[in-house]
């Protein structure tokens, strides 16, 4: 799993962690649901779980970049989820905070290799 955090929002470390956790849980649920349709993801999610659930968190510039990366992920048949905040604490409701993408490391790297670690 790879997570791209919208750094333009200047979220605190705690808020960033929370938003990334939302993306992780949502991706896992989505991957398990997609298993019924695509056996490929069943293998990938089970392998991911058995190998320690690797997660990489990267810096995203802004909403536009996250939306563009999500489109690339969808076009590449990867599972993705955009997280929008409820607006109860630090940022405005509906703010795009994080993008999560699930797939093989090779396929993830095709989309995210130019991004820096958070």
PDB file of N, CA and C in Angstrom:
ATOM      1  N   UNK A   1       0.844  -1.187   0.000  1.00  0.00           N
ATOM      2  CA  UNK A   1       0.000   0.000   0.000  1.00  0.00           C
ATOM      3  C   UNK A   1       0.879   1.236   0.000  1.00  0.00           C
ATOM      4  N   UNK A   2       0.429   2.208  -0.740  1.00  0.00           N
ATOM      5  CA  UNK A   2       1.101   3.500  -0.787  1.00  0.00           C
ATOM      6  C   UNK A   2       0.071   4.564  -0.444  1.00  0.00           C
ATOM      7  N   UNK A   3       0.506   5.529   0.325  1.00  0.00           N
ATOM      8  CA  UNK A   3      -0.360   6.642   0.721  1.00  0.00           C
ATOM      9  C   UNK A   3       0.314   7.939   0.319  1.00  0.00           C
ATOM     10  N   UNK A   4      -0.441   8.809  -0.327  1.00  0.00           N
ATOM     11  CA  UNK A   4       0.064  10.109  -0.723  1.00  0.00           C
ATOM     12  C   UNK A   4      -0.722  11.144   0.065  1.00  0.00           C
ATOM     13  N   UNK A   5      -0.009  11.891   0.909  1.00  0.00           N
ATOM     14  CA  UNK A   5      -0.622  12.865   1.802  1.00  0.00           C
ATOM     15  C   UNK A   5      -0.606  14.242   1.148  1.00  0.00           C
ATOM     16  N   UNK A   6      -1.712  14.934   1.231  1.00  0.00           N
ATOM     17  CA  UNK A   6      -1.833  16.288   0.684  1.00  0.00           C
ATOM     18  C   UNK A   6      -1.132  17.270   1.624  1.00  0.00           C
ATOM     19  N   UNK A   7       0.121  17.592   1.308  1.00  0.00           N
ATOM     20  CA  UNK A   7       0.918  18.447   2.197  1.00  0.00           C
ATOM     21  C   UNK A   7       0.502  19.918   2.135  1.00  0.00           C
ATOM     22  N   UNK A   8      -0.301  20.307   1.162  1.00  0.00           N
ATOM     23  CA  UNK A   8      -0.744  21.700   1.087  1.00  0.00           C
ATOM     24  C   UNK A   8      -1.673  22.058   2.247  1.00  0.00           C
ATOM     25  N   UNK A   9      -2.230  21.039   2.914  1.00  0.00           N
ATOM     26  CA  UNK A   9      -3.150  21.282   4.028  1.00  0.00           C
ATOM     27  C   UNK A   9      -2.428  21.571   5.342  1.00  0.00           C
ATOM     28  N   UNK A  10      -1.132  21.293   5.394  1.00  0.00           N
ATOM     29  CA  UNK A  10      -0.328  21.553   6.602  1.00  0.00           C
ATOM     30  C   UNK A  10      -0.946  20.898   7.843  1.00  0.00           C
ATOM     31  N   UNK A  11      -1.322  19.618   7.709  1.00  0.00           N
ATOM     32  CA  UNK A  11      -1.917  18.884   8.824  1.00  0.00           C
ATOM     33  C   UNK A  11      -0.851  18.555   9.871  1.00  0.00           C
ATOM     34  N   UNK A  12      -1.263  18.452  11.122  1.00  0.00           N
ATOM     35  CA  UNK A  12      -0.360  18.026  12.184  1.00  0.00           C
ATOM     36  C   UNK A  12       0.014  16.563  11.957  1.00  0.00           C
ATOM     37  N   UNK A  13       1.023  16.103  12.672  1.00  0.00           N
ATOM     38  CA  UNK A  13       1.442  14.695  12.554  1.00  0.00           C
ATOM     39  C   UNK A  13       0.298  13.768  12.948  1.00  0.00           C
ATOM     40  N   UNK A  14      -0.438  14.115  13.979  1.00  0.00           N
ATOM     41  CA  UNK A  14      -1.554  13.285  14.420  1.00  0.00           C
ATOM     42  C   UNK A  14      -2.669  13.232  13.388  1.00  0.00           C
ATOM     43  N   UNK A  15      -2.997  14.369  12.814  1.00  0.00           N
ATOM     44  CA  UNK A  15      -4.048  14.429  11.797  1.00  0.00           C
ATOM     45  C   UNK A  15      -3.618  13.645  10.555  1.00  0.00           C
ATOM     46  N   UNK A  16      -2.374  13.803  10.156  1.00  0.00           N
ATOM     47  CA  UNK A  16      -1.838  13.065   9.008  1.00  0.00           C
ATOM     48  C   UNK A  16      -1.916  11.565   9.254  1.00  0.00           C
ATOM     49  N   UNK A  17      -1.530  11.149  10.444  1.00  0.00           N
ATOM     50  CA  UNK A  17      -1.592   9.726  10.797  1.00  0.00           C
ATOM     51  C   UNK A  17      -3.014   9.198  10.739  1.00  0.00           C
ATOM     52  N   UNK A  18      -3.941   9.964  11.249  1.00  0.00           N
ATOM     53  CA  UNK A  18      -5.345   9.565  11.250  1.00  0.00           C
ATOM     54  C   UNK A  18      -5.881   9.421   9.829  1.00  0.00           C
ATOM     55  N   UNK A  19      -5.560  10.362   8.972  1.00  0.00           N
ATOM     56  CA  UNK A  19      -6.044  10.320   7.600  1.00  0.00           C
ATOM     57  C   UNK A  19      -5.429   9.152   6.828  1.00  0.00           C
ATOM     58  N   UNK A  20      -4.160   8.880   7.089  1.00  0.00           N
ATOM     59  CA  UNK A  20      -3.498   7.746   6.460  1.00  0.00           C
ATOM     60  C   UNK A  20      -4.128   6.434   6.947  1.00  0.00           C
ATOM     61  N   UNK A  21      -4.462   6.370   8.219  1.00  0.00           N
ATOM     62  CA  UNK A  21      -5.129   5.177   8.760  1.00  0.00           C
ATOM     63  C   UNK A  21      -6.499   4.977   8.117  1.00  0.00           C
ATOM     64  N   UNK A  22      -7.230   6.061   7.908  1.00  0.00           N
ATOM     65  CA  UNK A  22      -8.522   5.956   7.209  1.00  0.00           C
ATOM     66  C   UNK A  22      -8.321   5.331   5.827  1.00  0.00           C
ATOM     67  N   UNK A  23      -7.289   5.800   5.131  1.00  0.00           N
ATOM     68  CA  UNK A  23      -7.016   5.277   3.782  1.00  0.00           C
ATOM     69  C   UNK A  23      -6.651   3.799   3.831  1.00  0.00           C
ATOM     70  N   UNK A  24      -5.846   3.397   4.816  1.00  0.00           N
ATOM     71  CA  UNK A  24      -5.419   2.000   4.926  1.00  0.00           C
ATOM     72  C   UNK A  24      -6.614   1.074   5.148  1.00  0.00           C
ATOM     73  N   UNK A  25      -7.471   1.441   6.077  1.00  0.00           N
ATOM     74  CA  UNK A  25      -8.638   0.605   6.374  1.00  0.00           C
ATOM     75  C   UNK A  25      -9.569   0.554   5.161  1.00  0.00           C
ATOM     76  N   UNK A  26      -9.793   1.694   4.547  1.00  0.00           N
ATOM     77  CA  UNK A  26     -10.678   1.743   3.378  1.00  0.00           C
ATOM     78  C   UNK A  26     -10.126   0.917   2.217  1.00  0.00           C
ATOM     79  N   UNK A  27      -8.817   0.983   1.995  1.00  0.00           N
ATOM     80  CA  UNK A  27      -8.194   0.195   0.934  1.00  0.00           C
ATOM     81  C   UNK A  27      -8.320  -1.298   1.197  1.00  0.00           C
ATOM     82  N   UNK A  28      -8.086  -1.687   2.434  1.00  0.00           N
ATOM     83  CA  UNK A  28      -8.184  -3.106   2.781  1.00  0.00           C
ATOM     84  C   UNK A  28      -9.602  -3.614   2.537  1.00  0.00           C
ATOM     85  N   UNK A  29     -10.589  -2.863   2.999  1.00  0.00           N
ATOM     86  CA  UNK A  29     -11.993  -3.250   2.806  1.00  0.00           C
ATOM     87  C   UNK A  29     -12.315  -3.330   1.317  1.00  0.00           C
ATOM     88  N   UNK A  30     -11.878  -2.330   0.572  1.00  0.00           N
ATOM     89  CA  UNK A  30     -12.152  -2.300  -0.869  1.00  0.00           C
ATOM     90  C   UNK A  30     -11.477  -3.475  -1.581  1.00  0.00           C
ATOM     91  N   UNK A  31     -10.238  -3.784  -1.183  1.00  0.00           N
ATOM     92  CA  UNK A  31      -9.524  -4.911  -1.787  1.00  0.00           C
ATOM     93  C   UNK A  31     -10.249  -6.221  -1.496  1.00  0.00           C
ATOM     94  N   UNK A  32     -10.707  -6.406  -0.277  1.00  0.00           N
ATOM     95  CA  UNK A  32     -11.431  -7.632   0.071  1.00  0.00           C
ATOM     96  C   UNK A  32     -12.754  -7.719  -0.687  1.00  0.00           C
ATOM     97  N   UNK A  33     -13.443  -6.600  -0.846  1.00  0.00           N
ATOM     98  CA  UNK A  33     -14.702  -6.603  -1.594  1.00  0.00           C
ATOM     99  C   UNK A  33     -14.450  -6.900  -3.074  1.00  0.00           C
ATOM    100  N   UNK A  34     -13.374  -6.359  -3.616  1.00  0.00           N
ATOM    101  CA  UNK A  34     -13.043  -6.593  -5.024  1.00  0.00           C
ATOM    102  C   UNK A  34     -12.628  -8.034  -5.275  1.00  0.00           C
ATOM    103  N   UNK A  35     -12.247  -8.758  -4.215  1.00  0.00           N
ATOM    104  CA  UNK A  35     -11.866 -10.157  -4.388  1.00  0.00           C
ATOM    105  C   UNK A  35     -12.982 -10.971  -4.998  1.00  0.00           C
ATOM    106  N   UNK A  36     -14.188 -10.612  -4.683  1.00  0.00           N
ATOM    107  CA  UNK A  36     -15.314 -11.362  -5.226  1.00  0.00           C
ATOM    108  C   UNK A  36     -15.388 -11.217  -6.746  1.00  0.00           C
ATOM    109  N   UNK A  37     -14.899 -10.087  -7.252  1.00  0.00           N
ATOM    110  CA  UNK A  37     -14.946  -9.825  -8.689  1.00  0.00           C
ATOM    111  C   UNK A  37     -13.638 -10.205  -9.383  1.00  0.00           C
ATOM    112  N   UNK A  38     -12.524  -9.983  -8.704  1.00  0.00           N
ATOM    113  CA  UNK A  38     -11.212 -10.167  -9.325  1.00  0.00           C
ATOM    114  C   UNK A  38     -10.333 -11.016  -8.415  1.00  0.00           C
ATOM    115  N   UNK A  39     -10.147 -12.259  -8.773  1.00  0.00           N
ATOM    116  CA  UNK A  39      -9.340 -13.164  -7.942  1.00  0.00           C
ATOM    117  C   UNK A  39      -7.908 -12.674  -7.795  1.00  0.00           C
ATOM    118  N   UNK A  40      -7.434 -11.860  -8.722  1.00  0.00           N
ATOM    119  CA  UNK A  40      -6.085 -11.317  -8.646  1.00  0.00           C
ATOM    120  C   UNK A  40      -5.864 -10.597  -7.319  1.00  0.00           C
ATOM    121  N   UNK A  41      -6.832  -9.785  -6.909  1.00  0.00           N
ATOM    122  CA  UNK A  41      -6.667  -9.028  -5.683  1.00  0.00           C
ATOM    123  C   UNK A  41      -6.688  -9.912  -4.445  1.00  0.00           C
ATOM    124  N   UNK A  42      -7.387 -11.048  -4.499  1.00  0.00           N
ATOM    125  CA  UNK A  42      -7.382 -11.982  -3.384  1.00  0.00           C
ATOM    126  C   UNK A  42      -5.960 -12.458  -3.124  1.00  0.00           C
ATOM    127  N   UNK A  43      -5.264 -12.851  -4.166  1.00  0.00           N
ATOM    128  CA  UNK A  43      -3.866 -13.255  -4.034  1.00  0.00           C
ATOM    129  C   UNK A  43      -3.007 -12.121  -3.509  1.00  0.00           C
ATOM    130  N   UNK A  44      -3.180 -10.941  -4.078  1.00  0.00           N
ATOM    131  CA  UNK A  44      -2.353  -9.801  -3.690  1.00  0.00           C
ATOM    132  C   UNK A  44      -2.597  -9.381  -2.239  1.00  0.00           C
ATOM    133  N   UNK A  45      -3.842  -9.325  -1.813  1.00  0.00           N
ATOM    134  CA  UNK A  45      -4.117  -8.880  -0.442  1.00  0.00           C
ATOM    135  C   UNK A  45      -3.642  -9.927   0.560  1.00  0.00           C
ATOM    136  N   UNK A  46      -3.828 -11.209   0.250  1.00  0.00           N
ATOM    137  CA  UNK A  46      -3.360 -12.262   1.151  1.00  0.00           C
ATOM    138  C   UNK A  46      -1.839 -12.274   1.228  1.00  0.00           C
ATOM    139  N   UNK A  47      -1.179 -12.081   0.104  1.00  0.00           N
ATOM    140  CA  UNK A  47       0.285 -11.997   0.092  1.00  0.00           C
ATOM    141  C   UNK A  47       0.750 -10.792   0.893  1.00  0.00           C
ATOM    142  N   UNK A  48       0.101  -9.659   0.683  1.00  0.00           N
ATOM    143  CA  UNK A  48       0.448  -8.428   1.407  1.00  0.00           C
ATOM    144  C   UNK A  48       0.334  -8.650   2.921  1.00  0.00           C
ATOM    145  N   UNK A  49      -0.744  -9.289   3.354  1.00  0.00           N
ATOM    146  CA  UNK A  49      -0.948  -9.556   4.784  1.00  0.00           C
ATOM    147  C   UNK A  49       0.149 -10.486   5.305  1.00  0.00           C
ATOM    148  N   UNK A  50       0.441 -11.552   4.577  1.00  0.00           N
ATOM    149  CA  UNK A  50       1.412 -12.537   5.056  1.00  0.00           C
ATOM    150  C   UNK A  50       2.843 -11.999   5.078  1.00  0.00           C
ATOM    151  N   UNK A  51       3.120 -10.974   4.281  1.00  0.00           N
ATOM    152  CA  UNK A  51       4.476 -10.418   4.224  1.00  0.00           C
ATOM    153  C   UNK A  51       4.671  -9.188   5.111  1.00  0.00           C
ATOM    154  N   UNK A  52       3.701  -8.886   5.959  1.00  0.00           N
ATOM    155  CA  UNK A  52       3.889  -7.818   6.937  1.00  0.00           C
ATOM    156  C   UNK A  52       3.190  -6.511   6.652  1.00  0.00           C
ATOM    157  N   UNK A  53       2.335  -6.466   5.664  1.00  0.00           N
ATOM    158  CA  UNK A  53       1.520  -5.286   5.345  1.00  0.00           C
ATOM    159  C   UNK A  53       2.355  -4.017   5.109  1.00  0.00           C
ATOM    160  N   UNK A  54       3.277  -4.070   4.182  1.00  0.00           N
ATOM    161  CA  UNK A  54       4.143  -2.929   3.857  1.00  0.00           C
ATOM    162  C   UNK A  54       3.302  -1.709   3.475  1.00  0.00           C
ATOM    163  N   UNK A  55       3.656  -0.579   4.075  1.00  0.00           N
ATOM    164  CA  UNK A  55       2.969   0.673   3.805  1.00  0.00           C
ATOM    165  C   UNK A  55       4.019   1.771   3.619  1.00  0.00           C
ATOM    166  N   UNK A  56       3.873   2.557   2.567  1.00  0.00           N
ATOM    167  CA  UNK A  56       4.783   3.649   2.264  1.00  0.00           C
ATOM    168  C   UNK A  56       3.963   4.936   2.243  1.00  0.00           C
ATOM    169  N   UNK A  57       4.459   5.981   2.922  1.00  0.00           N
ATOM    170  CA  UNK A  57       3.754   7.259   2.965  1.00  0.00           C
ATOM    171  C   UNK A  57       4.602   8.296   2.233  1.00  0.00           C
ATOM    172  N   UNK A  58       3.972   8.926   1.250  1.00  0.00           N
ATOM    173  CA  UNK A  58       4.660   9.868   0.371  1.00  0.00           C
ATOM    174  C   UNK A  58       4.039  11.263   0.442  1.00  0.00           C
ATOM    175  N   UNK A  59       4.804  12.252  -0.005  1.00  0.00           N
ATOM    176  CA  UNK A  59       4.337  13.637  -0.037  1.00  0.00           C
ATOM    177  C   UNK A  59       3.603  13.912  -1.340  1.00  0.00           C
ATOM    178  N   UNK A  60       2.389  14.430  -1.198  1.00  0.00           N
ATOM    179  CA  UNK A  60       1.639  14.936  -2.343  1.00  0.00           C
ATOM    180  C   UNK A  60       1.604  16.448  -2.260  1.00  0.00           C
ATOM    181  N   UNK A  61       1.540  17.107  -3.389  1.00  0.00           N
ATOM    182  CA  UNK A  61       1.583  18.571  -3.410  1.00  0.00           C
ATOM    183  C   UNK A  61       0.250  19.224  -3.081  1.00  0.00           C
ATOM    184  N   UNK A  62      -0.832  18.698  -3.681  1.00  0.00           N
ATOM    185  CA  UNK A  62      -2.128  19.368  -3.568  1.00  0.00           C
ATOM    186  C   UNK A  62      -3.243  18.448  -4.061  1.00  0.00           C
ATOM    187  N   UNK A  63      -4.466  18.957  -4.026  1.00  0.00           N
ATOM    188  CA  UNK A  63      -5.636  18.186  -4.469  1.00  0.00           C
ATOM    189  C   UNK A  63      -5.466  17.677  -5.900  1.00  0.00           C
ATOM    190  N   UNK A  64      -5.057  18.566  -6.788  1.00  0.00           N
ATOM    191  CA  UNK A  64      -4.960  18.214  -8.207  1.00  0.00           C
ATOM    192  C   UNK A  64      -4.016  17.036  -8.418  1.00  0.00           C
ATOM    193  N   UNK A  65      -2.887  17.041  -7.735  1.00  0.00           N
ATOM    194  CA  UNK A  65      -1.946  15.935  -7.900  1.00  0.00           C
ATOM    195  C   UNK A  65      -2.555  14.626  -7.404  1.00  0.00           C
ATOM    196  N   UNK A  66      -3.224  14.650  -6.246  1.00  0.00           N
ATOM    197  CA  UNK A  66      -3.837  13.430  -5.729  1.00  0.00           C
ATOM    198  C   UNK A  66      -4.917  12.904  -6.673  1.00  0.00           C
ATOM    199  N   UNK A  67      -5.717  13.788  -7.231  1.00  0.00           N
ATOM    200  CA  UNK A  67      -6.769  13.378  -8.170  1.00  0.00           C
ATOM    201  C   UNK A  67      -6.144  12.783  -9.428  1.00  0.00           C
ATOM    202  N   UNK A  68      -5.086  13.391  -9.927  1.00  0.00           N
ATOM    203  CA  UNK A  68      -4.405  12.864 -11.119  1.00  0.00           C
ATOM    204  C   UNK A  68      -3.792  11.495 -10.847  1.00  0.00           C
ATOM    205  N   UNK A  69      -3.177  11.327  -9.679  1.00  0.00           N
ATOM    206  CA  UNK A  69      -2.592  10.038  -9.325  1.00  0.00           C
ATOM    207  C   UNK A  69      -3.665   8.972  -9.155  1.00  0.00           C
ATOM    208  N   UNK A  70      -4.803   9.354  -8.618  1.00  0.00           N
ATOM    209  CA  UNK A  70      -5.912   8.409  -8.448  1.00  0.00           C
ATOM    210  C   UNK A  70      -6.420   7.952  -9.813  1.00  0.00           C
ATOM    211  N   UNK A  71      -6.483   8.864 -10.772  1.00  0.00           N
ATOM    212  CA  UNK A  71      -6.894   8.503 -12.133  1.00  0.00           C
ATOM    213  C   UNK A  71      -5.889   7.535 -12.759  1.00  0.00           C
ATOM    214  N   UNK A  72      -4.592   7.791 -12.561  1.00  0.00           N
ATOM    215  CA  UNK A  72      -3.563   6.877 -13.069  1.00  0.00           C
ATOM    216  C   UNK A  72      -3.727   5.480 -12.458  1.00  0.00           C
ATOM    217  N   UNK A  73      -4.002   5.453 -11.151  1.00  0.00           N
ATOM    218  CA  UNK A  73      -4.185   4.168 -10.469  1.00  0.00           C
ATOM    219  C   UNK A  73      -5.391   3.426 -11.037  1.00  0.00           C
ATOM    220  N   UNK A  74      -6.494   4.124 -11.210  1.00  0.00           N
ATOM    221  CA  UNK A  74      -7.700   3.515 -11.762  1.00  0.00           C
ATOM    222  C   UNK A  74      -7.452   3.013 -13.183  1.00  0.00           C
ATOM    223  N   UNK A  75      -6.784   3.837 -13.982  1.00  0.00           N
ATOM    224  CA  UNK A  75      -6.470   3.444 -15.360  1.00  0.00           C
ATOM    225  C   UNK A  75      -5.548   2.227 -15.408  1.00  0.00           C
ATOM    226  N   UNK A  76      -4.771   2.022 -14.350  1.00  0.00           N
ATOM    227  CA  UNK A  76      -3.854   0.881 -14.263  1.00  0.00           C
ATOM    228  C   UNK A  76      -4.487  -0.319 -13.554  1.00  0.00           C
ATOM    229  N   UNK A  77      -5.795  -0.238 -13.292  1.00  0.00           N
ATOM    230  CA  UNK A  77      -6.546  -1.310 -12.629  1.00  0.00           C
ATOM    231  C   UNK A  77      -6.045  -1.595 -11.220  1.00  0.00           C
ATOM    232  N   UNK A  78      -5.576  -0.557 -10.535  1.00  0.00           N
ATOM    233  CA  UNK A  78      -5.194  -0.685  -9.129  1.00  0.00           C
ATOM    234  C   UNK A  78      -6.356  -0.220  -8.266  1.00  0.00           C
ATOM    235  N   UNK A  79      -6.379  -0.686  -7.044  1.00  0.00           N
ATOM    236  CA  UNK A  79      -7.412  -0.253  -6.104  1.00  0.00           C
ATOM    237  C   UNK A  79      -6.939   1.042  -5.464  1.00  0.00           C
ATOM    238  N   UNK A  80      -7.816   2.029  -5.420  1.00  0.00           N
ATOM    239  CA  UNK A  80      -7.443   3.312  -4.821  1.00  0.00           C
ATOM    240  C   UNK A  80      -8.615   3.894  -4.058  1.00  0.00           C
ATOM    241  N   UNK A  81      -8.271   4.795  -3.152  1.00  0.00           N
ATOM    242  CA  UNK A  81      -9.294   5.483  -2.374  1.00  0.00           C
ATOM    243  C   UNK A  81      -8.801   6.894  -2.054  1.00  0.00           C
ATOM    244  N   UNK A  82      -9.677   7.865  -2.262  1.00  0.00           N
ATOM    245  CA  UNK A  82      -9.410   9.243  -1.871  1.00  0.00           C
ATOM    246  C   UNK A  82     -10.105   9.492  -0.540  1.00  0.00           C
ATOM    247  N   UNK A  83      -9.391  10.070   0.401  1.00  0.00           N
ATOM    248  CA  UNK A  83      -9.952  10.353   1.723  1.00  0.00           C
ATOM    249  C   UNK A  83     -10.250  11.844   1.822  1.00  0.00           C
ATOM    250  N   UNK A  84     -11.470  12.141   2.218  1.00  0.00           N
ATOM    251  CA  UNK A  84     -11.884  13.528   2.451  1.00  0.00           C
ATOM    252  C   UNK A  84     -12.248  13.673   3.919  1.00  0.00           C
ATOM    253  N   UNK A  85     -11.820  14.753   4.509  1.00  0.00           N
ATOM    254  CA  UNK A  85     -12.014  14.952   5.946  1.00  0.00           C
ATOM    255  C   UNK A  85     -13.438  15.393   6.271  1.00  0.00           C
ATOM    256  N   UNK A  86     -13.896  14.977   7.437  1.00  0.00           N
ATOM    257  CA  UNK A  86     -15.228  15.363   7.907  1.00  0.00           C
ATOM    258  C   UNK A  86     -15.255  16.807   8.403  1.00  0.00           C
ATOM    259  N   UNK A  87     -14.092  17.365   8.699  1.00  0.00           N
ATOM    260  CA  UNK A  87     -14.023  18.769   9.099  1.00  0.00           C
ATOM    261  C   UNK A  87     -14.343  19.033  10.555  1.00  0.00           C
ATOM    262  N   UNK A  88     -14.156  18.056  11.406  1.00  0.00           N
ATOM    263  CA  UNK A  88     -14.484  18.221  12.821  1.00  0.00           C
ATOM    264  C   UNK A  88     -13.351  18.835  13.646  1.00  0.00           C
ATOM    265  N   UNK A  89     -12.134  18.854  13.091  1.00  0.00           N
ATOM    266  CA  UNK A  89     -11.012  19.339  13.894  1.00  0.00           C
ATOM    267  C   UNK A  89     -10.221  20.426  13.171  1.00  0.00           C
ATOM    268  N   UNK A  90      -9.176  20.080  12.469  1.00  0.00           N
ATOM    269  CA  UNK A  90      -8.199  21.051  11.981  1.00  0.00           C
ATOM    270  C   UNK A  90      -8.465  21.652  10.603  1.00  0.00           C
ATOM    271  N   UNK A  91      -9.177  20.936   9.767  1.00  0.00           N
ATOM    272  CA  UNK A  91      -9.314  21.398   8.391  1.00  0.00           C
ATOM    273  C   UNK A  91     -10.776  21.421   7.959  1.00  0.00           C
ATOM    274  N   UNK A  92     -11.031  22.067   6.836  1.00  0.00           N
ATOM    275  CA  UNK A  92     -12.398  22.259   6.350  1.00  0.00           C
ATOM    276  C   UNK A  92     -13.033  20.946   5.910  1.00  0.00           C
ATOM    277  N   UNK A  93     -14.367  20.837   6.106  1.00  0.00           N
ATOM    278  CA  UNK A  93     -15.076  19.638   5.648  1.00  0.00           C
ATOM    279  C   UNK A  93     -14.869  19.416   4.152  1.00  0.00           C
ATOM    280  N   UNK A  94     -14.670  18.162   3.793  1.00  0.00           N
ATOM    281  CA  UNK A  94     -14.509  17.811   2.389  1.00  0.00           C
ATOM    282  C   UNK A  94     -13.106  17.957   1.842  1.00  0.00           C
ATOM    283  N   UNK A  95     -12.177  18.427   2.682  1.00  0.00           N
ATOM    284  CA  UNK A  95     -10.799  18.588   2.217  1.00  0.00           C
ATOM    285  C   UNK A  95     -10.212  17.235   1.834  1.00  0.00           C
ATOM    286  N   UNK A  96      -9.532  17.191   0.699  1.00  0.00           N
ATOM    287  CA  UNK A  96      -8.887  15.979   0.216  1.00  0.00           C
ATOM    288  C   UNK A  96      -7.556  15.822   0.948  1.00  0.00           C
ATOM    289  N   UNK A  97      -7.499  14.843   1.840  1.00  0.00           N
ATOM    290  CA  UNK A  97      -6.338  14.708   2.726  1.00  0.00           C
ATOM    291  C   UNK A  97      -5.322  13.674   2.280  1.00  0.00           C
ATOM    292  N   UNK A  98      -5.787  12.581   1.671  1.00  0.00           N
ATOM    293  CA  UNK A  98      -4.889  11.462   1.416  1.00  0.00           C
ATOM    294  C   UNK A  98      -5.432  10.601   0.282  1.00  0.00           C
ATOM    295  N   UNK A  99      -4.511  10.035  -0.480  1.00  0.00           N
ATOM    296  CA  UNK A  99      -4.837   9.042  -1.491  1.00  0.00           C
ATOM    297  C   UNK A  99      -4.142   7.749  -1.106  1.00  0.00           C
ATOM    298  N   UNK A 100      -4.872   6.671  -1.102  1.00  0.00           N
ATOM    299  CA  UNK A 100      -4.284   5.355  -0.874  1.00  0.00           C
ATOM    300  C   UNK A 100      -4.399   4.528  -2.137  1.00  0.00           C
ATOM    301  N   UNK A 101      -3.327   3.778  -2.447  1.00  0.00           N
ATOM    302  CA  UNK A 101      -3.333   2.911  -3.621  1.00  0.00           C
ATOM    303  C   UNK A 101      -2.807   1.537  -3.206  1.00  0.00           C
ATOM    304  N   UNK A 102      -3.468   0.485  -3.690  1.00  0.00           N
ATOM    305  CA  UNK A 102      -3.040  -0.872  -3.397  1.00  0.00           C
ATOM    306  C   UNK A 102      -2.764  -1.615  -4.692  1.00  0.00           C
ATOM    307  N   UNK A 103      -1.665  -2.351  -4.709  1.00  0.00           N
ATOM    308  CA  UNK A 103      -1.308  -3.185  -5.844  1.00  0.00           C
ATOM    309  C   UNK A 103       0.100  -3.702  -5.657  1.00  0.00           C
ATOM    310  N   UNK A 104       0.624  -4.337  -6.679  1.00  0.00           N
ATOM    311  CA  UNK A 104       1.988  -4.855  -6.599  1.00  0.00           C
ATOM    312  C   UNK A 104       2.978  -3.690  -6.531  1.00  0.00           C
ATOM    313  N   UNK A 105       4.112  -3.951  -5.922  1.00  0.00           N
ATOM    314  CA  UNK A 105       5.142  -2.912  -5.801  1.00  0.00           C
ATOM    315  C   UNK A 105       5.548  -2.390  -7.182  1.00  0.00           C
ATOM    316  N   UNK A 106       5.669  -3.282  -8.124  1.00  0.00           N
ATOM    317  CA  UNK A 106       6.048  -2.895  -9.487  1.00  0.00           C
ATOM    318  C   UNK A 106       5.039  -1.911 -10.075  1.00  0.00           C
ATOM    319  N   UNK A 107       3.751  -2.211  -9.932  1.00  0.00           N
ATOM    320  CA  UNK A 107       2.709  -1.339 -10.479  1.00  0.00           C
ATOM    321  C   UNK A 107       2.588  -0.028  -9.705  1.00  0.00           C
ATOM    322  N   UNK A 108       2.766  -0.092  -8.405  1.00  0.00           N
ATOM    323  CA  UNK A 108       2.724   1.134  -7.599  1.00  0.00           C
ATOM    324  C   UNK A 108       3.871   2.061  -7.972  1.00  0.00           C
ATOM    325  N   UNK A 109       5.048   1.498  -8.178  1.00  0.00           N
ATOM    326  CA  UNK A 109       6.220   2.307  -8.521  1.00  0.00           C
ATOM    327  C   UNK A 109       6.047   3.034  -9.847  1.00  0.00           C
ATOM    328  N   UNK A 110       5.312   2.449 -10.785  1.00  0.00           N
ATOM    329  CA  UNK A 110       5.076   3.105 -12.063  1.00  0.00           C
ATOM    330  C   UNK A 110       4.352   4.446 -11.878  1.00  0.00           C
ATOM    331  N   UNK A 111       3.558   4.536 -10.824  1.00  0.00           N
ATOM    332  CA  UNK A 111       2.748   5.729 -10.582  1.00  0.00           C
ATOM    333  C   UNK A 111       3.399   6.680  -9.573  1.00  0.00           C
ATOM    334  N   UNK A 112       4.080   6.129  -8.578  1.00  0.00           N
ATOM    335  CA  UNK A 112       4.524   6.957  -7.445  1.00  0.00           C
ATOM    336  C   UNK A 112       6.024   7.129  -7.287  1.00  0.00           C
ATOM    337  N   UNK A 113       6.815   6.552  -8.155  1.00  0.00           N
ATOM    338  CA  UNK A 113       8.274   6.556  -7.941  1.00  0.00           C
ATOM    339  C   UNK A 113       8.898   7.944  -7.941  1.00  0.00           C
ATOM    340  N   UNK A 114       8.229   8.932  -8.505  1.00  0.00           N
ATOM    341  CA  UNK A 114       8.786  10.283  -8.533  1.00  0.00           C
ATOM    342  C   UNK A 114       8.499  11.083  -7.268  1.00  0.00           C
ATOM    343  N   UNK A 115       7.688  10.524  -6.370  1.00  0.00           N
ATOM    344  CA  UNK A 115       7.311  11.236  -5.135  1.00  0.00           C
ATOM    345  C   UNK A 115       8.322  10.982  -4.025  1.00  0.00           C
ATOM    346  N   UNK A 116       8.427  11.940  -3.114  1.00  0.00           N
ATOM    347  CA  UNK A 116       9.333  11.819  -1.963  1.00  0.00           C
ATOM    348  C   UNK A 116       8.617  11.235  -0.755  1.00  0.00           C
ATOM    349  N   UNK A 117       9.397  10.570   0.091  1.00  0.00           N
ATOM    350  CA  UNK A 117       8.855  10.063   1.348  1.00  0.00           C
ATOM    351  C   UNK A 117       8.411  11.214   2.237  1.00  0.00           C
ATOM    352  N   UNK A 118       7.336  10.974   2.983  1.00  0.00           N
ATOM    353  CA  UNK A 118       6.886  11.972   3.951  1.00  0.00           C
ATOM    354  C   UNK A 118       7.778  11.866   5.165  1.00  0.00           C
TER     355      UNK A 118
END
